[in-house]
């Protein structure tokens, strides 16, 4: 589902990940082309609802089981136990409307998210 209508993002800046969930999203670099976020989520923490306006690559080096929610609906829950993978994994992420993530593991989750401001879906 596209979160853009005729070039307009559907949600306000107050839901941007850095504004709405500052404990789990920290800007480590930003210019007019990209924004790089460090994403951390301690065990048992459920971050506030937020958005990601731009497509991105998410590189995870601290894997933890998570629960991904849209509103009150659980859209994804990591399997227990997590399948074995390399220490660093990456995935493409389209823009994301309002959602939240809960760390349902006993270890912290850590990732770097590179958002591409020049790329529209």
N, C-alpha and C. Protein backbone atom coordinates (compact mmCIF):
# COMPACT_ATOMS: atom_id res chain seq x y z
N UNK A 1 0.84 -1.18 0.00
CA UNK A 1 0.00 0.00 0.00
C UNK A 1 0.89 1.24 0.00
N UNK A 2 0.57 2.18 -0.85
CA UNK A 2 1.32 3.42 -0.91
C UNK A 2 0.85 4.37 0.18
N UNK A 3 1.79 5.06 0.79
CA UNK A 3 1.47 6.05 1.80
C UNK A 3 1.60 7.46 1.24
N UNK A 4 1.72 7.53 -0.09
CA UNK A 4 1.83 8.81 -0.78
C UNK A 4 0.60 8.98 -1.66
N UNK A 5 0.01 10.15 -1.68
CA UNK A 5 -1.10 10.46 -2.56
C UNK A 5 -0.72 11.72 -3.33
N UNK A 6 -0.58 11.57 -4.67
CA UNK A 6 -0.19 12.69 -5.53
C UNK A 6 1.00 13.45 -4.97
N UNK A 7 2.05 12.70 -4.56
CA UNK A 7 3.27 13.31 -4.07
C UNK A 7 3.20 13.84 -2.64
N UNK A 8 2.09 13.63 -1.96
CA UNK A 8 1.93 14.11 -0.58
C UNK A 8 1.97 12.94 0.40
N UNK A 9 2.79 13.10 1.44
CA UNK A 9 2.84 12.13 2.53
C UNK A 9 1.59 12.31 3.37
N UNK A 10 0.97 11.22 3.81
CA UNK A 10 -0.34 11.29 4.47
C UNK A 10 -0.29 11.64 5.95
N UNK A 11 0.90 11.59 6.59
CA UNK A 11 0.97 11.80 8.04
C UNK A 11 1.87 12.99 8.37
N UNK A 12 1.61 13.63 9.50
CA UNK A 12 2.35 14.81 9.92
C UNK A 12 3.72 14.48 10.49
N UNK A 13 4.55 15.51 10.58
CA UNK A 13 5.91 15.36 11.09
C UNK A 13 5.95 14.89 12.54
N UNK A 14 4.87 15.11 13.27
CA UNK A 14 4.84 14.67 14.67
C UNK A 14 4.91 13.15 14.81
N UNK A 15 4.57 12.42 13.72
CA UNK A 15 4.66 10.96 13.75
C UNK A 15 5.98 10.42 13.18
N UNK A 16 6.85 11.32 12.71
CA UNK A 16 8.16 10.88 12.23
C UNK A 16 8.86 10.13 13.37
N UNK A 17 9.59 9.08 13.03
CA UNK A 17 10.22 8.21 14.02
C UNK A 17 11.06 8.97 15.04
N UNK A 18 11.82 9.96 14.58
CA UNK A 18 12.70 10.70 15.48
C UNK A 18 11.89 11.56 16.46
N UNK A 19 10.78 12.13 15.99
CA UNK A 19 9.93 12.96 16.86
C UNK A 19 9.05 12.12 17.78
N UNK A 20 8.44 11.08 17.24
CA UNK A 20 7.47 10.29 18.00
C UNK A 20 8.10 9.20 18.87
N UNK A 21 9.25 8.69 18.46
CA UNK A 21 9.90 7.59 19.20
C UNK A 21 11.40 7.90 19.38
N UNK A 22 11.72 9.02 20.05
CA UNK A 22 13.12 9.43 20.16
C UNK A 22 13.99 8.51 21.01
N UNK A 23 13.41 7.72 21.88
CA UNK A 23 14.22 6.79 22.69
C UNK A 23 14.74 5.62 21.87
N UNK A 24 14.06 5.32 20.77
CA UNK A 24 14.51 4.20 19.94
C UNK A 24 15.08 4.62 18.59
N UNK A 25 14.96 5.89 18.22
CA UNK A 25 15.46 6.38 16.93
C UNK A 25 16.33 7.62 17.14
N UNK A 26 17.60 7.52 16.72
CA UNK A 26 18.53 8.62 16.88
C UNK A 26 19.20 8.91 15.54
N UNK A 27 19.21 10.17 15.13
CA UNK A 27 19.87 10.57 13.88
C UNK A 27 21.38 10.56 14.11
N UNK A 28 22.10 9.80 13.26
CA UNK A 28 23.57 9.80 13.34
C UNK A 28 24.18 10.56 12.17
N UNK A 29 23.40 10.77 11.11
CA UNK A 29 23.84 11.57 9.96
C UNK A 29 22.61 11.97 9.17
N UNK A 30 22.64 13.21 8.63
CA UNK A 30 21.55 13.64 7.77
C UNK A 30 22.04 14.73 6.84
N UNK A 31 21.61 14.63 5.58
CA UNK A 31 21.80 15.71 4.62
C UNK A 31 20.56 15.74 3.74
N UNK A 32 20.61 16.43 2.61
CA UNK A 32 19.41 16.55 1.77
C UNK A 32 19.08 15.26 1.01
N UNK A 33 19.97 14.28 1.02
CA UNK A 33 19.76 13.03 0.28
C UNK A 33 19.42 11.83 1.15
N UNK A 34 20.04 11.75 2.33
CA UNK A 34 19.84 10.58 3.20
C UNK A 34 19.71 11.01 4.65
N UNK A 35 19.10 10.13 5.43
CA UNK A 35 19.09 10.26 6.89
C UNK A 35 19.44 8.89 7.43
N UNK A 36 20.43 8.85 8.31
CA UNK A 36 20.87 7.59 8.91
C UNK A 36 20.43 7.59 10.37
N UNK A 37 19.68 6.56 10.73
CA UNK A 37 19.17 6.42 12.09
C UNK A 37 19.81 5.23 12.78
N UNK A 38 20.12 5.40 14.05
CA UNK A 38 20.45 4.26 14.89
C UNK A 38 19.15 3.89 15.59
N UNK A 39 18.78 2.62 15.50
CA UNK A 39 17.53 2.14 16.07
C UNK A 39 17.87 1.14 17.17
N UNK A 40 17.44 1.42 18.38
CA UNK A 40 17.68 0.52 19.51
C UNK A 40 16.38 0.32 20.27
N UNK A 41 16.20 -0.89 20.74
CA UNK A 41 15.00 -1.21 21.50
C UNK A 41 15.38 -2.22 22.58
N UNK A 42 15.29 -1.79 23.82
CA UNK A 42 15.65 -2.65 24.95
C UNK A 42 14.64 -3.78 25.12
N UNK A 43 15.05 -4.87 25.76
CA UNK A 43 14.13 -5.98 26.01
C UNK A 43 12.88 -5.51 26.76
N UNK A 44 11.73 -6.00 26.32
CA UNK A 44 10.47 -5.68 26.97
C UNK A 44 9.92 -4.30 26.66
N UNK A 45 10.59 -3.54 25.80
CA UNK A 45 10.16 -2.18 25.47
C UNK A 45 9.24 -2.17 24.26
N UNK A 46 8.18 -1.38 24.35
CA UNK A 46 7.24 -1.18 23.23
C UNK A 46 7.33 0.30 22.86
N UNK A 47 7.87 0.57 21.68
CA UNK A 47 8.07 1.97 21.28
C UNK A 47 6.75 2.60 20.88
N UNK A 48 6.67 3.94 20.92
CA UNK A 48 5.45 4.64 20.50
C UNK A 48 5.20 4.48 18.99
N UNK A 49 3.96 4.65 18.61
CA UNK A 49 3.59 4.60 17.20
C UNK A 49 4.32 5.72 16.45
N UNK A 50 4.81 5.40 15.25
CA UNK A 50 5.58 6.35 14.45
C UNK A 50 5.55 5.94 12.99
N UNK A 51 6.15 6.78 12.13
CA UNK A 51 6.21 6.52 10.69
C UNK A 51 7.65 6.62 10.19
N UNK A 52 7.84 6.10 8.97
CA UNK A 52 9.09 6.29 8.22
C UNK A 52 8.67 6.75 6.83
N UNK A 53 8.94 8.01 6.53
CA UNK A 53 8.47 8.66 5.32
C UNK A 53 9.16 8.18 4.05
N UNK A 54 10.44 7.80 4.15
CA UNK A 54 11.23 7.46 2.97
C UNK A 54 11.56 5.99 2.93
N UNK A 55 11.77 5.44 1.72
CA UNK A 55 12.26 4.06 1.61
C UNK A 55 13.64 3.99 2.24
N UNK A 56 14.01 2.80 2.68
CA UNK A 56 15.26 2.68 3.41
C UNK A 56 15.85 1.28 3.32
N UNK A 57 17.08 1.19 3.78
CA UNK A 57 17.72 -0.10 4.01
C UNK A 57 17.95 -0.18 5.50
N UNK A 58 17.51 -1.29 6.10
CA UNK A 58 17.67 -1.50 7.53
C UNK A 58 18.70 -2.61 7.72
N UNK A 59 19.78 -2.28 8.42
CA UNK A 59 20.85 -3.24 8.68
C UNK A 59 20.85 -3.56 10.17
N UNK A 60 20.57 -4.80 10.47
CA UNK A 60 20.43 -5.22 11.87
C UNK A 60 21.66 -6.00 12.31
N UNK A 61 22.26 -5.54 13.40
CA UNK A 61 23.40 -6.26 13.94
C UNK A 61 23.14 -6.76 15.36
N UNK A 62 22.06 -6.34 15.95
CA UNK A 62 21.65 -6.84 17.26
C UNK A 62 20.26 -7.40 17.12
N UNK A 63 20.18 -8.70 16.83
CA UNK A 63 18.89 -9.33 16.57
C UNK A 63 18.16 -9.65 17.85
N UNK A 64 16.87 -9.41 17.81
CA UNK A 64 16.00 -9.75 18.92
C UNK A 64 14.63 -10.10 18.35
N UNK A 65 13.88 -10.89 19.10
CA UNK A 65 12.52 -11.19 18.69
C UNK A 65 11.68 -9.93 18.86
N UNK A 66 10.85 -9.63 17.85
CA UNK A 66 10.01 -8.43 17.89
C UNK A 66 8.57 -8.76 17.56
N UNK A 67 7.72 -7.84 17.93
CA UNK A 67 6.31 -7.86 17.54
C UNK A 67 6.05 -6.53 16.85
N UNK A 68 5.61 -6.58 15.56
CA UNK A 68 5.36 -5.39 14.74
C UNK A 68 3.85 -5.18 14.71
N UNK A 69 3.40 -3.99 15.15
CA UNK A 69 1.96 -3.72 15.25
C UNK A 69 1.56 -2.51 14.43
N UNK A 70 0.38 -2.58 13.85
CA UNK A 70 -0.27 -1.44 13.23
C UNK A 70 -1.55 -1.23 14.04
N UNK A 71 -1.56 -0.13 14.80
CA UNK A 71 -2.65 0.06 15.75
C UNK A 71 -2.58 -1.05 16.78
N UNK A 72 -3.70 -1.70 17.04
CA UNK A 72 -3.73 -2.81 17.99
C UNK A 72 -3.51 -4.17 17.32
N UNK A 73 -3.35 -4.17 16.00
CA UNK A 73 -3.21 -5.42 15.25
C UNK A 73 -1.75 -5.84 15.13
N UNK A 74 -1.45 -7.07 15.55
CA UNK A 74 -0.11 -7.62 15.38
C UNK A 74 0.01 -8.09 13.94
N UNK A 75 0.95 -7.49 13.18
CA UNK A 75 1.15 -7.86 11.78
C UNK A 75 2.27 -8.86 11.61
N UNK A 76 3.20 -8.90 12.57
CA UNK A 76 4.33 -9.82 12.48
C UNK A 76 4.87 -10.07 13.88
N UNK A 77 5.24 -11.33 14.13
CA UNK A 77 5.94 -11.67 15.36
C UNK A 77 7.06 -12.63 15.02
N UNK A 78 8.26 -12.33 15.50
CA UNK A 78 9.42 -13.18 15.23
C UNK A 78 9.21 -14.57 15.81
N UNK A 79 9.73 -15.59 15.12
CA UNK A 79 9.63 -16.94 15.66
C UNK A 79 10.52 -17.11 16.88
N UNK A 80 10.18 -18.09 17.69
CA UNK A 80 10.99 -18.42 18.87
C UNK A 80 11.42 -19.87 18.75
N UNK A 81 12.69 -20.15 18.64
CA UNK A 81 13.81 -19.21 18.62
C UNK A 81 13.98 -18.61 17.22
N UNK A 82 14.78 -17.53 17.16
CA UNK A 82 15.11 -16.93 15.88
C UNK A 82 15.94 -17.91 15.07
N UNK A 83 15.70 -17.99 13.76
CA UNK A 83 16.55 -18.87 12.93
C UNK A 83 17.97 -18.30 12.88
N UNK A 84 18.98 -19.17 12.75
CA UNK A 84 20.35 -18.67 12.68
C UNK A 84 20.56 -17.81 11.44
N UNK A 85 21.30 -16.71 11.62
CA UNK A 85 21.66 -15.83 10.50
C UNK A 85 23.02 -15.21 10.82
N UNK A 86 23.56 -14.54 9.82
CA UNK A 86 24.83 -13.83 10.01
C UNK A 86 24.65 -12.72 11.04
N UNK A 87 25.74 -12.23 11.56
CA UNK A 87 25.72 -11.16 12.55
C UNK A 87 25.07 -9.89 12.02
N UNK A 88 25.30 -9.57 10.74
CA UNK A 88 24.73 -8.37 10.14
C UNK A 88 23.81 -8.78 9.00
N UNK A 89 22.57 -8.33 9.05
CA UNK A 89 21.63 -8.61 7.97
C UNK A 89 21.05 -7.30 7.49
N UNK A 90 20.60 -7.28 6.25
CA UNK A 90 20.01 -6.08 5.68
C UNK A 90 18.72 -6.38 4.97
N UNK A 91 17.84 -5.39 4.93
CA UNK A 91 16.58 -5.57 4.20
C UNK A 91 16.09 -4.22 3.70
N UNK A 92 15.40 -4.26 2.55
CA UNK A 92 14.80 -3.08 1.96
C UNK A 92 13.47 -2.83 2.65
N UNK A 93 13.19 -1.57 2.98
CA UNK A 93 11.93 -1.21 3.62
C UNK A 93 11.26 -0.10 2.82
N UNK A 94 10.04 -0.29 2.39
CA UNK A 94 9.31 0.81 1.76
C UNK A 94 8.91 1.82 2.84
N UNK A 95 8.40 2.99 2.46
CA UNK A 95 7.88 3.91 3.48
C UNK A 95 6.85 3.19 4.34
N UNK A 96 6.82 3.55 5.62
CA UNK A 96 5.91 2.88 6.55
C UNK A 96 5.00 3.89 7.22
N UNK A 97 3.71 3.61 7.16
CA UNK A 97 2.73 4.41 7.88
C UNK A 97 2.81 4.12 9.37
N UNK A 98 1.88 4.63 10.15
CA UNK A 98 1.93 4.47 11.61
C UNK A 98 2.02 3.00 12.03
N UNK A 99 3.03 2.72 12.87
CA UNK A 99 3.27 1.38 13.38
C UNK A 99 4.09 1.50 14.66
N UNK A 100 4.23 0.39 15.36
CA UNK A 100 5.09 0.34 16.53
C UNK A 100 5.74 -1.03 16.60
N UNK A 101 6.85 -1.10 17.31
CA UNK A 101 7.57 -2.36 17.46
C UNK A 101 7.80 -2.60 18.94
N UNK A 102 7.62 -3.85 19.36
CA UNK A 102 7.88 -4.26 20.73
C UNK A 102 8.98 -5.30 20.72
N UNK A 103 9.97 -5.13 21.58
CA UNK A 103 11.02 -6.13 21.73
C UNK A 103 10.52 -7.17 22.72
N UNK A 104 10.24 -8.39 22.22
CA UNK A 104 9.70 -9.46 23.07
C UNK A 104 10.79 -10.46 23.43
N UNK A 105 12.03 -10.02 23.36
CA UNK A 105 13.18 -10.87 23.64
C UNK A 105 13.83 -10.45 24.95
N UNK A 106 14.91 -11.14 25.30
CA UNK A 106 15.67 -10.82 26.52
C UNK A 106 16.96 -10.07 26.19
N UNK A 107 17.16 -9.77 24.91
CA UNK A 107 18.36 -9.04 24.46
C UNK A 107 17.92 -7.79 23.71
N UNK A 108 18.77 -6.75 23.69
CA UNK A 108 18.43 -5.53 22.96
C UNK A 108 18.42 -5.76 21.45
N UNK A 109 17.58 -5.00 20.75
CA UNK A 109 17.60 -4.97 19.29
C UNK A 109 18.41 -3.74 18.89
N UNK A 110 19.26 -3.88 17.86
CA UNK A 110 20.05 -2.75 17.38
C UNK A 110 20.13 -2.81 15.87
N UNK A 111 19.93 -1.66 15.21
CA UNK A 111 19.99 -1.59 13.76
C UNK A 111 20.41 -0.20 13.32
N UNK A 112 20.86 -0.11 12.09
CA UNK A 112 21.12 1.16 11.41
C UNK A 112 20.16 1.21 10.23
N UNK A 113 19.43 2.30 10.12
CA UNK A 113 18.45 2.46 9.04
C UNK A 113 18.88 3.66 8.20
N UNK A 114 19.10 3.41 6.91
CA UNK A 114 19.50 4.47 5.98
C UNK A 114 18.28 4.81 5.13
N UNK A 115 17.75 6.01 5.35
CA UNK A 115 16.55 6.46 4.65
C UNK A 115 16.97 7.30 3.45
N UNK A 116 16.36 7.02 2.27
CA UNK A 116 16.71 7.68 1.02
C UNK A 116 15.68 8.74 0.69
N UNK A 117 16.00 10.00 0.93
CA UNK A 117 15.07 11.11 0.74
C UNK A 117 14.78 11.39 -0.74
N UNK A 118 15.71 11.04 -1.62
CA UNK A 118 15.55 11.32 -3.05
C UNK A 118 14.71 10.29 -3.78
N UNK A 119 14.37 9.21 -3.13
CA UNK A 119 13.65 8.10 -3.77
C UNK A 119 12.20 8.10 -3.28
N UNK A 120 11.28 8.26 -4.20
CA UNK A 120 9.87 8.14 -3.85
C UNK A 120 9.37 6.79 -4.34
N UNK A 121 8.46 6.21 -3.58
CA UNK A 121 7.95 4.89 -3.98
C UNK A 121 7.21 4.92 -5.31
